[in-house]
Amino acid sequence: MLARTTLRSARTVGAARNAASKTATRSTSSSSSGSSGTASPWRNTIAGSAVTVAAIGSLAGYYAIFGRPAHAMTPAEEGLHPTKYPWEHEKLYKTFDHQALRRGFQVYREVCSSCHSLKRIPYRTLVGNIMTVDEAKALAEENEYDTEPNDEGEIEKRPGKLSDYVPSPYKNDEAARAANNGALPPDLSLMVKARHGGCNYIFNLLTGYPEEPPAGAVVQSGLNFNPYFPGTGIAMARVLYDGLVDYEDGTPATTSQMAKDVVEFLNWSAEPEMDDRKRMGWKVMAIGSVLFGLSVWVKRYKWSTIKTRKIIYNPPVNPASRNPSTARVDTKISSGR
């Protein structure tokens, strides 16, 4: 019995020594990891700084190559910058004024159509926006269009239909140049989108003809001075004068009123789908806002049990992991009989 008790005491002392050696090893490893941990923040700082400098350098190089605006001409050659006006139809919650569109189309027919074409506008697009179906049909039938060749190869003429496009005043570009002293009148279908400044540029161009060129201005022969046109020399003379058109609704036909109406009509011809696009955009924003709110609520509802829970870990107590400096080895010696 005495030998058995002595053997148990020896085993307990050996376990205490092993625990002490393991604790010393852990303290050594923790000190080494602490020293490496103090060194790692410097490395992370240097790496982050290098990445930041590289990103800033890349952005600066990209801006130097592609970011700066490229001008095709000098400000003197570009012309006077047009004055901005608060166009109602350009606002997000506004649509085209269809009375203004009708008046603008009248100005185009009576003034502009003698030189400028409107090749991309069919008569069917005028229905519901500018005129009724009967008015559009009557307007289309005023012009004649070529038919398909018959059995003998001859092309006959037929009255226009709603599917036909607004005819051009000239047969080809050569005829247009010959009738305008070598200048080619541009097509007005997409003119608002094709010119820098859009509606403001065209309005200022139509109303910007002075009575006499300013002192010192050089105007070439056959051109007219207009400060808003690039180079200030334009082949088109002033075409809008007070009282030039008799509006059907009785609106006074001043120069600015006619310019405003025809500019709004040209904006419609360049973007006939703008009203539908705005309407669809408001619908998408309304539905998207509701769906976004529902998605936020569902996310908070589904994740509430996970994000509000609390996890506590209680490790088991191991006598062998105690510090040997404070731990006491309990030995029990029993007396043998």
Protein backbone atom coordinates (compact mmCIF):
# COMPACT_ATOMS: atom_id res chain seq x y z
CA MET A 1 0.00 0.00 0.00
CA LEU A 2 2.88 2.40 0.82
CA ALA A 3 4.51 1.70 -2.55
CA ARG A 4 1.23 2.36 -4.37
CA THR A 5 0.81 5.72 -2.62
CA THR A 6 4.39 6.72 -3.44
CA LEU A 7 3.83 5.87 -7.12
CA ARG A 8 0.72 8.09 -7.22
CA SER A 9 2.68 11.00 -5.73
CA ALA A 10 5.40 10.61 -8.35
CA ARG A 11 2.83 10.68 -11.17
CA THR A 12 1.27 13.88 -9.80
CA VAL A 13 4.64 15.63 -9.56
CA GLY A 14 5.43 14.60 -13.17
CA ALA A 15 2.15 16.05 -14.39
CA ALA A 16 2.90 19.33 -12.65
CA ARG A 17 6.32 19.48 -14.32
CA ASN A 18 4.80 18.84 -17.75
CA ALA A 19 2.25 21.61 -17.19
CA ALA A 20 5.03 24.01 -16.22
CA SER A 21 7.03 23.20 -19.34
CA LYS A 22 3.94 23.67 -21.56
CA THR A 23 3.18 27.01 -19.92
CA ALA A 24 6.73 28.18 -20.52
CA THR A 25 6.51 27.11 -24.16
CA ARG A 26 3.22 28.99 -24.58
CA SER A 27 4.62 32.13 -23.01
CA THR A 28 7.63 31.96 -25.34
CA SER A 29 5.44 31.52 -28.42
CA SER A 30 3.14 34.33 -27.31
CA SER A 31 6.10 36.66 -26.85
CA SER A 32 7.41 35.79 -30.32
CA SER A 33 3.95 36.29 -31.86
CA GLY A 34 3.67 39.60 -30.01
CA SER A 35 6.97 40.78 -31.48
CA SER A 36 5.86 39.73 -34.97
CA GLY A 37 2.49 41.43 -34.36
CA THR A 38 4.23 44.69 -33.48
CA ALA A 39 6.19 44.46 -36.72
CA SER A 40 3.19 43.60 -38.96
CA PRO A 41 1.38 46.99 -38.61
CA TRP A 42 4.38 48.77 -40.16
CA ARG A 43 4.31 46.41 -43.10
CA ASN A 44 0.56 46.92 -43.54
CA THR A 45 0.99 50.69 -43.39
CA ILE A 46 3.71 50.67 -46.02
CA ALA A 47 1.71 48.36 -48.30
CA GLY A 48 -1.46 50.47 -47.94
CA SER A 49 0.45 53.67 -48.65
CA ALA A 50 2.01 52.16 -51.77
CA VAL A 51 -1.37 51.02 -53.07
CA THR A 52 -2.88 54.45 -52.41
CA VAL A 53 -0.06 56.24 -54.23
CA ALA A 54 -0.41 53.86 -57.18
CA ALA A 55 -4.19 54.43 -57.36
CA ILE A 56 -3.79 58.22 -57.22
CA GLY A 57 -1.11 58.08 -59.90
CA SER A 58 -3.34 55.96 -62.15
CA LEU A 59 -6.25 58.38 -61.75
CA ALA A 60 -4.02 61.36 -62.47
CA GLY A 61 -2.63 59.72 -65.60
CA TYR A 62 -6.10 58.78 -66.82
CA TYR A 63 -7.35 62.34 -66.27
CA ALA A 64 -4.32 63.79 -68.08
CA ILE A 65 -4.99 61.59 -71.11
CA PHE A 66 -8.79 61.34 -71.27
CA GLY A 67 -10.25 63.68 -68.66
CA ARG A 68 -9.53 67.10 -70.10
CA PRO A 69 -12.07 68.43 -72.63
CA ALA A 70 -10.98 68.52 -76.25
CA HIS A 71 -12.11 71.53 -78.25
CA ALA A 72 -12.35 71.32 -82.02
CA MET A 73 -11.97 75.08 -82.35
CA THR A 74 -11.00 78.12 -80.36
CA PRO A 75 -13.66 80.11 -78.45
CA ALA A 76 -13.43 82.85 -81.09
CA GLU A 77 -14.16 80.32 -83.84
CA GLU A 78 -16.87 78.57 -81.83
CA GLY A 79 -19.01 81.66 -81.51
CA LEU A 80 -20.86 83.33 -78.68
CA HIS A 81 -22.11 80.95 -76.01
CA PRO A 82 -25.92 80.78 -76.15
CA THR A 83 -28.02 82.10 -73.30
CA LYS A 84 -29.81 79.44 -71.27
CA TYR A 85 -33.58 79.59 -70.98
CA PRO A 86 -35.92 77.69 -68.63
CA TRP A 87 -37.56 75.36 -71.14
CA GLU A 88 -40.61 73.77 -69.57
CA HIS A 89 -40.47 70.55 -71.56
CA GLU A 90 -36.94 69.83 -70.31
CA LYS A 91 -38.07 69.50 -66.69
CA LEU A 92 -38.51 66.00 -65.26
CA TYR A 93 -42.17 66.51 -64.37
CA LYS A 94 -43.20 68.43 -67.51
CA THR A 95 -44.21 67.34 -71.01
CA PHE A 96 -44.32 68.98 -74.41
CA ASP A 97 -46.83 71.78 -74.93
CA HIS A 98 -48.82 70.31 -77.82
CA GLN A 99 -50.24 73.70 -78.79
CA ALA A 100 -46.66 74.94 -79.12
CA LEU A 101 -45.80 71.84 -81.18
CA ARG A 102 -48.66 72.60 -83.55
CA ARG A 103 -47.57 76.22 -83.90
CA GLY A 104 -43.95 75.16 -84.38
CA PHE A 105 -44.92 72.74 -87.14
CA GLN A 106 -46.81 75.56 -88.81
CA VAL A 107 -43.69 77.74 -88.68
CA TYR A 108 -41.65 74.92 -90.18
CA ARG A 109 -44.13 74.37 -93.00
CA GLU A 110 -44.49 78.04 -93.92
CA VAL A 111 -40.93 79.23 -93.31
CA CYS A 112 -38.33 76.48 -92.84
CA SER A 113 -39.54 73.79 -95.25
CA SER A 114 -38.54 75.83 -98.29
CA CYS A 115 -34.87 75.00 -97.60
CA HIS A 116 -34.62 72.44 -94.80
CA SER A 117 -35.81 68.85 -94.86
CA LEU A 118 -37.36 66.69 -92.16
CA LYS A 119 -36.44 63.27 -93.53
CA ARG A 120 -36.83 61.20 -90.36
CA ILE A 121 -40.38 62.24 -89.47
CA PRO A 122 -43.28 60.23 -90.95
CA TYR A 123 -46.78 61.62 -91.01
CA ARG A 124 -48.02 58.94 -88.61
CA THR A 125 -45.95 60.41 -85.76
CA LEU A 126 -47.86 63.68 -86.10
CA VAL A 127 -51.12 61.93 -85.17
CA GLY A 128 -52.02 62.48 -81.53
CA ASN A 129 -49.19 64.95 -80.96
CA ILE A 130 -49.73 67.76 -83.44
CA MET A 131 -52.86 66.96 -85.46
CA THR A 132 -55.67 64.47 -85.86
CA VAL A 133 -55.72 61.45 -88.15
CA ASP A 134 -57.80 63.21 -90.80
CA GLU A 135 -55.55 66.26 -90.79
CA ALA A 136 -52.45 64.10 -91.13
CA LYS A 137 -53.99 62.12 -94.01
CA ALA A 138 -54.99 65.31 -95.81
CA LEU A 139 -51.50 66.74 -95.32
CA ALA A 140 -49.85 63.57 -96.63
CA GLU A 141 -52.10 63.50 -99.71
CA GLU A 142 -50.88 66.95 -100.73
CA ASN A 143 -47.59 65.36 -101.83
CA GLU A 144 -46.91 62.67 -104.39
CA TYR A 145 -44.58 59.73 -103.95
CA ASP A 146 -43.13 57.15 -106.29
CA THR A 147 -44.77 53.75 -106.51
CA GLU A 148 -43.15 50.40 -107.19
CA PRO A 149 -42.23 49.76 -110.84
CA ASN A 150 -45.06 48.19 -112.82
CA ASP A 151 -44.76 45.30 -115.30
CA GLU A 152 -43.33 47.64 -117.90
CA GLY A 153 -40.76 49.11 -115.46
CA GLU A 154 -42.40 52.48 -115.24
CA ILE A 155 -42.72 54.30 -111.92
CA GLU A 156 -45.96 56.10 -111.34
CA LYS A 157 -46.99 58.67 -108.76
CA ARG A 158 -49.43 58.16 -105.91
CA PRO A 159 -50.77 60.42 -103.15
CA GLY A 160 -49.01 60.26 -99.83
CA LYS A 161 -50.00 58.03 -96.89
CA LEU A 162 -49.47 58.19 -93.16
CA SER A 163 -46.52 55.81 -93.47
CA ASP A 164 -44.66 58.19 -95.80
CA TYR A 165 -42.04 60.60 -94.57
CA VAL A 166 -42.11 64.37 -94.86
CA PRO A 167 -40.63 65.15 -98.32
CA SER A 168 -37.47 67.15 -98.85
CA PRO A 169 -37.59 70.48 -100.72
CA TYR A 170 -34.80 69.34 -103.09
CA LYS A 171 -34.22 66.14 -105.01
CA ASN A 172 -30.62 65.73 -103.87
CA ASP A 173 -27.77 67.56 -102.15
CA GLU A 174 -26.41 68.97 -105.42
CA ALA A 175 -29.70 70.66 -106.18
CA ALA A 176 -29.81 72.06 -102.64
CA ARG A 177 -26.30 73.50 -102.98
CA ALA A 178 -27.07 75.01 -106.36
CA ALA A 179 -30.13 76.78 -104.97
CA ASN A 180 -28.30 78.18 -101.94
CA ASN A 181 -25.02 79.50 -103.39
CA GLY A 182 -23.09 76.37 -102.54
CA ALA A 183 -24.36 76.01 -98.95
CA LEU A 184 -26.16 72.79 -98.01
CA PRO A 185 -29.14 73.37 -95.69
CA PRO A 186 -28.95 70.66 -92.99
CA ASP A 187 -31.76 68.27 -92.18
CA LEU A 188 -33.67 69.41 -89.08
CA SER A 189 -34.87 66.02 -87.82
CA LEU A 190 -32.11 65.70 -85.20
CA MET A 191 -30.82 69.27 -85.17
CA VAL A 192 -31.50 69.86 -81.46
CA LYS A 193 -29.39 66.85 -80.52
CA ALA A 194 -26.76 67.51 -83.19
CA ARG A 195 -25.77 70.98 -81.99
CA HIS A 196 -24.01 71.89 -78.77
CA GLY A 197 -26.44 73.87 -76.66
CA GLY A 198 -29.55 72.21 -78.09
CA CYS A 199 -32.66 74.36 -77.80
CA ASN A 200 -30.74 77.35 -76.44
CA TYR A 201 -28.37 77.40 -79.41
CA ILE A 202 -31.10 77.25 -82.05
CA PHE A 203 -33.25 79.86 -80.30
CA ASN A 204 -30.33 82.27 -79.94
CA LEU A 205 -29.32 81.61 -83.53
CA LEU A 206 -32.78 82.44 -84.89
CA THR A 207 -33.15 85.59 -82.78
CA GLY A 208 -29.50 86.71 -82.77
CA TYR A 209 -29.27 88.52 -86.12
CA PRO A 210 -28.30 92.16 -85.52
CA GLU A 211 -29.49 94.98 -87.72
CA GLU A 212 -25.91 95.77 -88.69
CA PRO A 213 -22.68 93.88 -88.01
CA PRO A 214 -20.68 95.39 -85.14
CA ALA A 215 -17.71 97.58 -85.84
CA GLY A 216 -14.64 95.57 -86.71
CA ALA A 217 -16.54 92.43 -87.72
CA VAL A 218 -15.45 90.95 -91.03
CA VAL A 219 -18.22 89.19 -92.95
CA GLN A 220 -17.45 87.36 -96.16
CA SER A 221 -19.44 88.00 -99.28
CA GLY A 222 -22.65 85.98 -99.40
CA LEU A 223 -22.72 85.36 -95.62
CA ASN A 224 -24.66 86.98 -92.81
CA PHE A 225 -23.31 87.97 -89.42
CA ASN A 226 -24.57 85.98 -86.43
CA PRO A 227 -22.49 85.94 -83.24
CA TYR A 228 -23.88 82.55 -82.15
CA PHE A 229 -22.81 80.71 -85.30
CA PRO A 230 -19.25 79.26 -85.34
CA GLY A 231 -17.13 81.74 -87.21
CA THR A 232 -19.95 84.35 -87.05
CA GLY A 233 -20.60 83.97 -90.79
CA ILE A 234 -23.73 82.00 -91.76
CA ALA A 235 -25.27 81.50 -95.19
CA MET A 236 -28.83 81.61 -93.85
CA ALA A 237 -30.21 85.12 -93.55
CA ARG A 238 -32.72 86.18 -90.96
CA VAL A 239 -36.02 84.44 -91.67
CA LEU A 240 -38.26 85.28 -88.70
CA TYR A 241 -39.99 88.64 -88.52
CA ASP A 242 -42.92 89.84 -86.47
CA GLY A 243 -46.24 88.87 -88.01
CA LEU A 244 -44.73 86.49 -90.56
CA VAL A 245 -47.14 83.66 -89.62
CA ASP A 246 -50.82 83.81 -88.73
CA TYR A 247 -51.34 81.32 -85.91
CA GLU A 248 -54.61 79.41 -85.91
CA ASP A 249 -55.13 79.90 -82.17
CA GLY A 250 -54.59 83.66 -82.33
CA THR A 251 -51.21 83.75 -80.57
CA PRO A 252 -49.21 86.89 -81.49
CA ALA A 253 -46.56 85.82 -83.99
CA THR A 254 -43.57 87.71 -82.67
CA THR A 255 -40.05 86.74 -83.59
CA SER A 256 -39.30 85.24 -80.18
CA GLN A 257 -42.65 83.40 -80.11
CA MET A 258 -42.09 81.81 -83.52
CA ALA A 259 -38.51 80.89 -82.57
CA LYS A 260 -39.68 79.35 -79.30
CA ASP A 261 -42.41 77.31 -81.02
CA VAL A 262 -40.24 75.99 -83.83
CA VAL A 263 -37.44 75.11 -81.39
CA GLU A 264 -39.84 73.11 -79.23
CA PHE A 265 -41.14 71.36 -82.36
CA LEU A 266 -37.58 70.51 -83.42
CA ASN A 267 -36.91 69.16 -79.95
CA TRP A 268 -39.96 66.92 -80.34
CA SER A 269 -38.79 65.76 -83.78
CA ALA A 270 -35.42 64.79 -82.28
CA GLU A 271 -36.98 63.05 -79.26
CA PRO A 272 -40.61 62.12 -80.00
CA GLU A 273 -40.47 59.49 -77.25
CA MET A 274 -39.45 61.91 -74.49
CA ASP A 275 -42.90 62.12 -72.86
CA ASP A 276 -43.22 58.33 -72.80
CA ARG A 277 -39.71 58.00 -71.44
CA LYS A 278 -40.43 60.42 -68.59
CA ARG A 279 -43.70 58.64 -67.79
CA MET A 280 -41.96 55.27 -67.71
CA GLY A 281 -39.15 56.71 -65.60
CA TRP A 282 -41.58 57.92 -62.93
CA LYS A 283 -43.26 54.49 -62.89
CA VAL A 284 -39.90 52.74 -62.49
CA MET A 285 -38.90 55.09 -59.67
CA ALA A 286 -42.21 54.53 -57.85
CA ILE A 287 -42.11 50.75 -58.14
CA GLY A 288 -38.39 50.65 -57.39
CA SER A 289 -38.85 52.70 -54.22
CA VAL A 290 -41.56 50.33 -52.96
CA LEU A 291 -39.46 47.26 -53.76
CA PHE A 292 -36.42 48.82 -52.09
CA GLY A 293 -38.41 49.49 -48.92
CA LEU A 294 -39.74 45.92 -48.91
CA SER A 295 -36.25 44.50 -49.43
CA VAL A 296 -34.90 46.51 -46.48
CA TRP A 297 -37.76 45.31 -44.27
CA VAL A 298 -37.32 41.66 -45.31
CA LYS A 299 -33.59 41.87 -44.72
CA ARG A 300 -34.02 43.28 -41.23
CA TYR A 301 -36.75 40.73 -40.47
CA LYS A 302 -34.75 37.72 -41.65
CA TRP A 303 -31.45 38.77 -40.07
CA SER A 304 -32.86 40.14 -36.80
CA THR A 305 -32.54 36.79 -34.98
CA ILE A 306 -28.95 36.39 -36.18
CA LYS A 307 -27.72 39.95 -35.66
CA THR A 308 -29.26 40.29 -32.18
CA ARG A 309 -28.17 36.96 -30.69
CA LYS A 310 -25.33 36.67 -28.21
CA ILE A 311 -22.90 33.77 -28.20
CA ILE A 312 -20.86 33.08 -25.05
CA TYR A 313 -18.09 30.52 -25.02
CA ASN A 314 -17.04 29.02 -21.69
CA PRO A 315 -13.94 26.88 -22.19
CA PRO A 316 -13.56 23.83 -19.95
CA VAL A 317 -11.18 24.08 -17.01
CA ASN A 318 -8.15 21.83 -17.39
CA PRO A 319 -6.08 21.36 -14.20
CA ALA A 320 -2.99 20.63 -16.27
CA SER A 321 -3.10 24.10 -17.88
CA ARG A 322 -2.79 26.02 -14.62
CA ASN A 323 0.24 28.13 -13.88
CA PRO A 324 2.70 26.07 -11.83
CA SER A 325 3.73 29.13 -9.82
CA THR A 326 0.24 29.45 -8.34
CA ALA A 327 -1.07 25.97 -8.73
CA ARG A 328 -0.79 23.54 -5.88
CA VAL A 329 -0.46 19.87 -6.42
CA ASP A 330 -2.91 18.08 -4.24
CA THR A 331 -1.44 14.85 -2.99
CA LYS A 332 -3.27 12.51 -0.87
CA ILE A 333 -1.33 9.99 1.24
CA SER A 334 -3.30 7.26 2.75
CA SER A 335 -1.93 5.17 5.53
CA GLY A 336 -1.73 1.48 4.91
CA ARG A 337 -2.91 -1.09 7.32
